Amino acid sequence: MIDDVRNLHYEERIKKFNLMTLEKRRHMSDLIETFKIVNDCYNLKSDLFFTYDEGLRRGHSKKLYKKRSILDLRKYVFSNRVIDHWNARSGACVTSNTINQFKNCLKRELQPETHG
């Protein structure tokens, strides 16, 4: 712990050091895992987790379809909770060629603006 920020609240420390909140870091981790699954970085079939949105609606070419869920339990499963965040990313991000390129793009999209 840095002495001069010891007494600051979490939000103030985040702002002072221009860091991402825990919530944003969790979103980022979910999105990185989604990228790995969608791009076959694991020996998993992506269709076990996700269905592509074939509706050709607005958005990028790797848009995922979100199934409706009645139970709250289903809403919070990884393969369901990440879809809105994935679909909100830019086409340049989701079509990145490498994981590092994707991570850098995510940082740019999720990092708060620097203030001075």
N, C-alpha and C. Protein backbone atom coordinates (compact mmCIF):
# COMPACT_ATOMS: atom_id res chain seq x y z
N MET A 1 0.85 -1.18 0.00
CA MET A 1 0.00 0.00 0.00
C MET A 1 0.89 1.24 0.00
N ILE A 2 0.57 2.16 -0.81
CA ILE A 2 1.32 3.42 -0.90
C ILE A 2 0.81 4.34 0.20
N ASP A 3 1.74 4.89 0.99
CA ASP A 3 1.38 5.66 2.19
C ASP A 3 0.42 6.82 1.93
N ASP A 4 0.66 7.62 0.89
CA ASP A 4 -0.16 8.82 0.70
C ASP A 4 -1.56 8.54 0.16
N VAL A 5 -1.89 7.29 -0.14
CA VAL A 5 -3.25 6.96 -0.59
C VAL A 5 -3.95 6.00 0.37
N ARG A 6 -3.28 5.69 1.45
CA ARG A 6 -3.81 4.72 2.41
C ARG A 6 -5.22 5.08 2.89
N ASN A 7 -5.47 6.37 3.10
CA ASN A 7 -6.75 6.81 3.66
C ASN A 7 -7.79 7.17 2.60
N LEU A 8 -7.44 7.03 1.33
CA LEU A 8 -8.39 7.33 0.26
C LEU A 8 -9.34 6.17 0.04
N HIS A 9 -10.56 6.49 -0.38
CA HIS A 9 -11.52 5.46 -0.72
C HIS A 9 -11.11 4.79 -2.04
N TYR A 10 -11.65 3.62 -2.27
CA TYR A 10 -11.34 2.83 -3.47
C TYR A 10 -11.47 3.66 -4.74
N GLU A 11 -12.60 4.35 -4.90
CA GLU A 11 -12.86 5.13 -6.10
C GLU A 11 -11.82 6.24 -6.28
N GLU A 12 -11.40 6.84 -5.19
CA GLU A 12 -10.40 7.91 -5.26
C GLU A 12 -9.03 7.36 -5.66
N ARG A 13 -8.68 6.18 -5.15
CA ARG A 13 -7.39 5.55 -5.52
C ARG A 13 -7.40 5.17 -6.99
N ILE A 14 -8.51 4.61 -7.45
CA ILE A 14 -8.64 4.22 -8.86
C ILE A 14 -8.45 5.46 -9.75
N LYS A 15 -9.10 6.54 -9.39
CA LYS A 15 -9.02 7.77 -10.17
C LYS A 15 -7.61 8.37 -10.14
N LYS A 16 -7.00 8.40 -8.95
CA LYS A 16 -5.67 8.99 -8.78
C LYS A 16 -4.63 8.30 -9.66
N PHE A 17 -4.70 6.98 -9.76
CA PHE A 17 -3.70 6.23 -10.51
C PHE A 17 -4.18 5.82 -11.90
N ASN A 18 -5.39 6.31 -12.29
CA ASN A 18 -5.94 6.03 -13.61
C ASN A 18 -5.99 4.52 -13.88
N LEU A 19 -6.55 3.78 -12.92
CA LEU A 19 -6.65 2.33 -13.02
C LEU A 19 -8.06 1.91 -13.42
N MET A 20 -8.19 0.68 -13.85
CA MET A 20 -9.51 0.12 -14.13
C MET A 20 -10.11 -0.40 -12.84
N THR A 21 -11.42 -0.29 -12.73
CA THR A 21 -12.10 -0.82 -11.55
C THR A 21 -12.08 -2.35 -11.61
N LEU A 22 -12.36 -2.96 -10.49
CA LEU A 22 -12.43 -4.42 -10.42
C LEU A 22 -13.49 -4.93 -11.40
N GLU A 23 -14.59 -4.23 -11.48
CA GLU A 23 -15.66 -4.63 -12.40
C GLU A 23 -15.17 -4.65 -13.85
N LYS A 24 -14.44 -3.61 -14.25
CA LYS A 24 -13.93 -3.56 -15.62
C LYS A 24 -12.88 -4.63 -15.86
N ARG A 25 -12.05 -4.91 -14.85
CA ARG A 25 -11.04 -5.97 -15.00
C ARG A 25 -11.71 -7.33 -15.16
N ARG A 26 -12.83 -7.54 -14.44
CA ARG A 26 -13.57 -8.79 -14.59
C ARG A 26 -14.19 -8.90 -15.98
N HIS A 27 -14.76 -7.79 -16.47
CA HIS A 27 -15.30 -7.78 -17.84
C HIS A 27 -14.21 -8.12 -18.84
N MET A 28 -13.04 -7.52 -18.63
CA MET A 28 -11.92 -7.75 -19.53
C MET A 28 -11.51 -9.22 -19.54
N SER A 29 -11.44 -9.83 -18.36
CA SER A 29 -11.08 -11.25 -18.27
C SER A 29 -12.12 -12.12 -18.98
N ASP A 30 -13.39 -11.81 -18.78
CA ASP A 30 -14.46 -12.55 -19.47
C ASP A 30 -14.32 -12.42 -20.98
N LEU A 31 -14.04 -11.21 -21.44
CA LEU A 31 -13.92 -10.97 -22.87
C LEU A 31 -12.70 -11.67 -23.47
N ILE A 32 -11.60 -11.73 -22.73
CA ILE A 32 -10.41 -12.44 -23.20
C ILE A 32 -10.71 -13.93 -23.33
N GLU A 33 -11.40 -14.48 -22.36
CA GLU A 33 -11.78 -15.91 -22.45
C GLU A 33 -12.72 -16.15 -23.63
N THR A 34 -13.64 -15.22 -23.85
CA THR A 34 -14.55 -15.34 -24.98
C THR A 34 -13.77 -15.31 -26.29
N PHE A 35 -12.82 -14.38 -26.39
CA PHE A 35 -11.98 -14.30 -27.59
C PHE A 35 -11.27 -15.63 -27.83
N LYS A 36 -10.72 -16.22 -26.78
CA LYS A 36 -10.00 -17.49 -26.91
C LYS A 36 -10.93 -18.62 -27.36
N ILE A 37 -12.14 -18.64 -26.82
CA ILE A 37 -13.10 -19.69 -27.20
C ILE A 37 -13.55 -19.49 -28.64
N VAL A 38 -13.92 -18.27 -29.01
CA VAL A 38 -14.41 -17.98 -30.36
C VAL A 38 -13.33 -18.25 -31.41
N ASN A 39 -12.08 -18.03 -31.06
CA ASN A 39 -10.97 -18.20 -32.00
C ASN A 39 -10.24 -19.53 -31.85
N ASP A 40 -10.88 -20.49 -31.20
CA ASP A 40 -10.35 -21.85 -31.07
C ASP A 40 -8.95 -21.93 -30.47
N CYS A 41 -8.67 -21.11 -29.46
CA CYS A 41 -7.38 -21.17 -28.78
C CYS A 41 -7.32 -22.35 -27.81
N TYR A 42 -8.48 -22.88 -27.48
CA TYR A 42 -8.58 -24.07 -26.64
C TYR A 42 -9.08 -25.20 -27.52
N ASN A 43 -8.94 -26.40 -27.06
CA ASN A 43 -9.50 -27.54 -27.79
C ASN A 43 -10.96 -27.73 -27.37
N LEU A 44 -11.75 -26.68 -27.58
CA LEU A 44 -13.17 -26.69 -27.25
C LEU A 44 -13.96 -26.31 -28.49
N LYS A 45 -15.15 -26.79 -28.57
CA LYS A 45 -16.03 -26.36 -29.65
C LYS A 45 -16.76 -25.11 -29.16
N SER A 46 -16.60 -24.02 -29.87
CA SER A 46 -17.22 -22.76 -29.43
C SER A 46 -18.74 -22.86 -29.41
N ASP A 47 -19.31 -23.74 -30.23
CA ASP A 47 -20.77 -23.86 -30.25
C ASP A 47 -21.33 -24.51 -28.99
N LEU A 48 -20.47 -25.06 -28.14
CA LEU A 48 -20.92 -25.54 -26.83
C LEU A 48 -21.21 -24.36 -25.90
N PHE A 49 -20.57 -23.23 -26.16
CA PHE A 49 -20.74 -22.05 -25.33
C PHE A 49 -21.61 -20.99 -25.98
N PHE A 50 -21.41 -20.79 -27.28
CA PHE A 50 -22.02 -19.65 -27.96
C PHE A 50 -22.68 -20.06 -29.27
N THR A 51 -23.65 -19.25 -29.66
CA THR A 51 -24.28 -19.34 -30.98
C THR A 51 -24.09 -17.99 -31.64
N TYR A 52 -23.63 -18.01 -32.87
CA TYR A 52 -23.46 -16.75 -33.59
C TYR A 52 -24.81 -16.19 -33.98
N ASP A 53 -24.92 -14.88 -33.94
CA ASP A 53 -26.15 -14.19 -34.33
C ASP A 53 -26.18 -14.11 -35.85
N GLU A 54 -27.04 -14.90 -36.45
CA GLU A 54 -27.12 -14.97 -37.92
C GLU A 54 -28.06 -13.91 -38.48
N GLY A 55 -28.63 -13.06 -37.64
CA GLY A 55 -29.61 -12.09 -38.06
C GLY A 55 -29.06 -10.93 -38.87
N LEU A 56 -27.73 -10.84 -38.98
CA LEU A 56 -27.07 -9.77 -39.73
C LEU A 56 -27.54 -8.38 -39.31
N ARG A 57 -27.80 -8.24 -38.01
CA ARG A 57 -28.16 -6.93 -37.48
C ARG A 57 -26.91 -6.09 -37.31
N ARG A 58 -27.10 -4.88 -36.81
CA ARG A 58 -25.96 -3.99 -36.58
C ARG A 58 -24.89 -4.66 -35.73
N GLY A 59 -23.68 -4.24 -35.95
CA GLY A 59 -22.58 -4.76 -35.14
C GLY A 59 -21.53 -5.43 -35.99
N HIS A 60 -20.65 -6.12 -35.33
CA HIS A 60 -19.53 -6.77 -36.01
C HIS A 60 -19.89 -8.16 -36.52
N SER A 61 -18.97 -8.76 -37.24
CA SER A 61 -19.22 -10.05 -37.89
C SER A 61 -19.18 -11.23 -36.92
N LYS A 62 -18.70 -11.03 -35.71
CA LYS A 62 -18.62 -12.12 -34.73
C LYS A 62 -19.64 -11.93 -33.60
N LYS A 63 -20.75 -11.30 -33.92
CA LYS A 63 -21.79 -11.04 -32.93
C LYS A 63 -22.39 -12.36 -32.45
N LEU A 64 -22.60 -12.45 -31.14
CA LEU A 64 -23.14 -13.67 -30.53
C LEU A 64 -24.62 -13.49 -30.21
N TYR A 65 -25.34 -14.59 -30.29
CA TYR A 65 -26.77 -14.59 -30.01
C TYR A 65 -26.98 -14.86 -28.53
N LYS A 66 -27.81 -14.05 -27.90
CA LYS A 66 -28.10 -14.23 -26.48
C LYS A 66 -29.46 -14.90 -26.34
N LYS A 67 -29.43 -16.11 -25.78
CA LYS A 67 -30.67 -16.85 -25.55
C LYS A 67 -31.43 -16.23 -24.40
N ARG A 68 -32.73 -16.23 -24.52
CA ARG A 68 -33.56 -15.74 -23.42
C ARG A 68 -33.50 -16.72 -22.26
N SER A 69 -33.52 -16.18 -21.05
CA SER A 69 -33.50 -17.06 -19.88
C SER A 69 -34.56 -16.59 -18.89
N ILE A 70 -35.28 -17.54 -18.39
CA ILE A 70 -36.33 -17.26 -17.42
C ILE A 70 -35.74 -17.26 -16.01
N LEU A 71 -34.86 -18.21 -15.76
CA LEU A 71 -34.27 -18.33 -14.43
C LEU A 71 -33.09 -17.37 -14.26
N ASP A 72 -33.00 -16.74 -13.10
CA ASP A 72 -31.88 -15.86 -12.80
C ASP A 72 -30.56 -16.62 -12.86
N LEU A 73 -30.58 -17.87 -12.46
CA LEU A 73 -29.37 -18.69 -12.44
C LEU A 73 -28.71 -18.71 -13.82
N ARG A 74 -29.48 -18.86 -14.86
CA ARG A 74 -28.97 -18.92 -16.23
C ARG A 74 -28.40 -17.57 -16.68
N LYS A 75 -28.95 -16.48 -16.18
CA LYS A 75 -28.50 -15.14 -16.58
C LYS A 75 -27.05 -14.89 -16.21
N TYR A 76 -26.57 -15.52 -15.15
CA TYR A 76 -25.25 -15.24 -14.63
C TYR A 76 -24.20 -16.28 -15.02
N VAL A 77 -24.56 -17.23 -15.85
CA VAL A 77 -23.61 -18.21 -16.36
C VAL A 77 -22.68 -17.49 -17.34
N PHE A 78 -21.41 -17.85 -17.33
CA PHE A 78 -20.41 -17.18 -18.17
C PHE A 78 -20.88 -16.99 -19.60
N SER A 79 -21.34 -18.05 -20.23
CA SER A 79 -21.69 -17.99 -21.66
C SER A 79 -22.89 -17.09 -21.94
N ASN A 80 -23.59 -16.66 -20.93
CA ASN A 80 -24.72 -15.75 -21.12
C ASN A 80 -24.36 -14.32 -20.69
N ARG A 81 -23.65 -14.19 -19.57
CA ARG A 81 -23.37 -12.85 -19.04
C ARG A 81 -22.37 -12.07 -19.89
N VAL A 82 -21.54 -12.75 -20.67
CA VAL A 82 -20.50 -12.09 -21.43
C VAL A 82 -20.99 -11.57 -22.79
N ILE A 83 -22.11 -12.06 -23.26
CA ILE A 83 -22.55 -11.77 -24.63
C ILE A 83 -22.79 -10.29 -24.87
N ASP A 84 -23.47 -9.60 -23.98
CA ASP A 84 -23.72 -8.17 -24.19
C ASP A 84 -22.41 -7.38 -24.25
N HIS A 85 -21.46 -7.74 -23.39
CA HIS A 85 -20.17 -7.06 -23.38
C HIS A 85 -19.38 -7.36 -24.66
N TRP A 86 -19.44 -8.60 -25.13
CA TRP A 86 -18.76 -8.99 -26.36
C TRP A 86 -19.37 -8.24 -27.56
N ASN A 87 -20.68 -8.26 -27.65
CA ASN A 87 -21.35 -7.63 -28.79
C ASN A 87 -21.16 -6.11 -28.82
N ALA A 88 -20.87 -5.52 -27.66
CA ALA A 88 -20.67 -4.07 -27.59
C ALA A 88 -19.27 -3.65 -28.04
N ARG A 89 -18.35 -4.59 -28.18
CA ARG A 89 -17.00 -4.27 -28.61
C ARG A 89 -16.98 -3.90 -30.08
N SER A 90 -15.97 -3.18 -30.47
CA SER A 90 -15.83 -2.76 -31.86
C SER A 90 -15.44 -3.95 -32.74
N GLY A 91 -15.74 -3.82 -34.02
CA GLY A 91 -15.35 -4.86 -34.98
C GLY A 91 -13.85 -5.04 -35.02
N ALA A 92 -13.11 -3.95 -34.89
CA ALA A 92 -11.64 -4.03 -34.89
C ALA A 92 -11.14 -4.88 -33.73
N CYS A 93 -11.80 -4.78 -32.60
CA CYS A 93 -11.38 -5.55 -31.43
C CYS A 93 -11.65 -7.05 -31.62
N VAL A 94 -12.89 -7.39 -31.92
CA VAL A 94 -13.26 -8.81 -31.97
C VAL A 94 -12.63 -9.56 -33.14
N THR A 95 -12.15 -8.83 -34.14
CA THR A 95 -11.49 -9.49 -35.27
C THR A 95 -9.97 -9.38 -35.18
N SER A 96 -9.46 -9.08 -34.00
CA SER A 96 -8.01 -9.02 -33.79
C SER A 96 -7.38 -10.34 -34.19
N ASN A 97 -6.12 -10.27 -34.64
CA ASN A 97 -5.42 -11.47 -35.09
C ASN A 97 -4.77 -12.25 -33.96
N THR A 98 -4.43 -11.58 -32.87
CA THR A 98 -3.77 -12.24 -31.75
C THR A 98 -4.44 -11.83 -30.43
N ILE A 99 -4.16 -12.61 -29.42
CA ILE A 99 -4.69 -12.32 -28.08
C ILE A 99 -4.14 -10.98 -27.58
N ASN A 100 -2.85 -10.74 -27.79
CA ASN A 100 -2.26 -9.48 -27.33
C ASN A 100 -2.86 -8.28 -28.04
N GLN A 101 -3.12 -8.41 -29.32
CA GLN A 101 -3.76 -7.33 -30.07
C GLN A 101 -5.16 -7.08 -29.49
N PHE A 102 -5.88 -8.15 -29.18
CA PHE A 102 -7.21 -8.04 -28.59
C PHE A 102 -7.14 -7.37 -27.22
N LYS A 103 -6.19 -7.77 -26.39
CA LYS A 103 -6.04 -7.18 -25.06
C LYS A 103 -5.75 -5.68 -25.14
N ASN A 104 -4.87 -5.29 -26.05
CA ASN A 104 -4.55 -3.87 -26.21
C ASN A 104 -5.76 -3.08 -26.67
N CYS A 105 -6.53 -3.65 -27.57
CA CYS A 105 -7.75 -2.99 -28.04
C CYS A 105 -8.75 -2.85 -26.88
N LEU A 106 -8.90 -3.89 -26.09
CA LEU A 106 -9.79 -3.84 -24.93
C LEU A 106 -9.37 -2.77 -23.94
N LYS A 107 -8.08 -2.70 -23.68
CA LYS A 107 -7.58 -1.68 -22.75
C LYS A 107 -7.96 -0.29 -23.23
N ARG A 108 -7.81 -0.06 -24.53
CA ARG A 108 -8.16 1.26 -25.08
C ARG A 108 -9.66 1.53 -24.93
N GLU A 109 -10.47 0.49 -25.15
CA GLU A 109 -11.92 0.69 -25.07
C GLU A 109 -12.43 0.77 -23.64
N LEU A 110 -11.78 0.10 -22.71
CA LEU A 110 -12.27 0.04 -21.33
C LEU A 110 -11.58 1.00 -20.36
N GLN A 111 -10.36 1.42 -20.69
CA GLN A 111 -9.60 2.29 -19.79
C GLN A 111 -10.26 3.66 -19.71
N PRO A 112 -10.38 4.21 -18.50
CA PRO A 112 -10.95 5.56 -18.38
C PRO A 112 -10.03 6.59 -19.02
N GLU A 113 -10.61 7.69 -19.40
CA GLU A 113 -9.83 8.79 -19.99
C GLU A 113 -8.87 9.34 -18.94
N THR A 114 -7.68 9.71 -19.38
CA THR A 114 -6.71 10.33 -18.48
C THR A 114 -7.06 11.79 -18.27
N HIS A 115 -6.96 12.20 -17.04
CA HIS A 115 -7.31 13.60 -16.69
C HIS A 115 -6.05 14.35 -16.28
N GLY A 116 -5.42 15.01 -17.23
CA GLY A 116 -4.26 15.86 -16.94
C GLY A 116 -3.05 15.07 -16.69
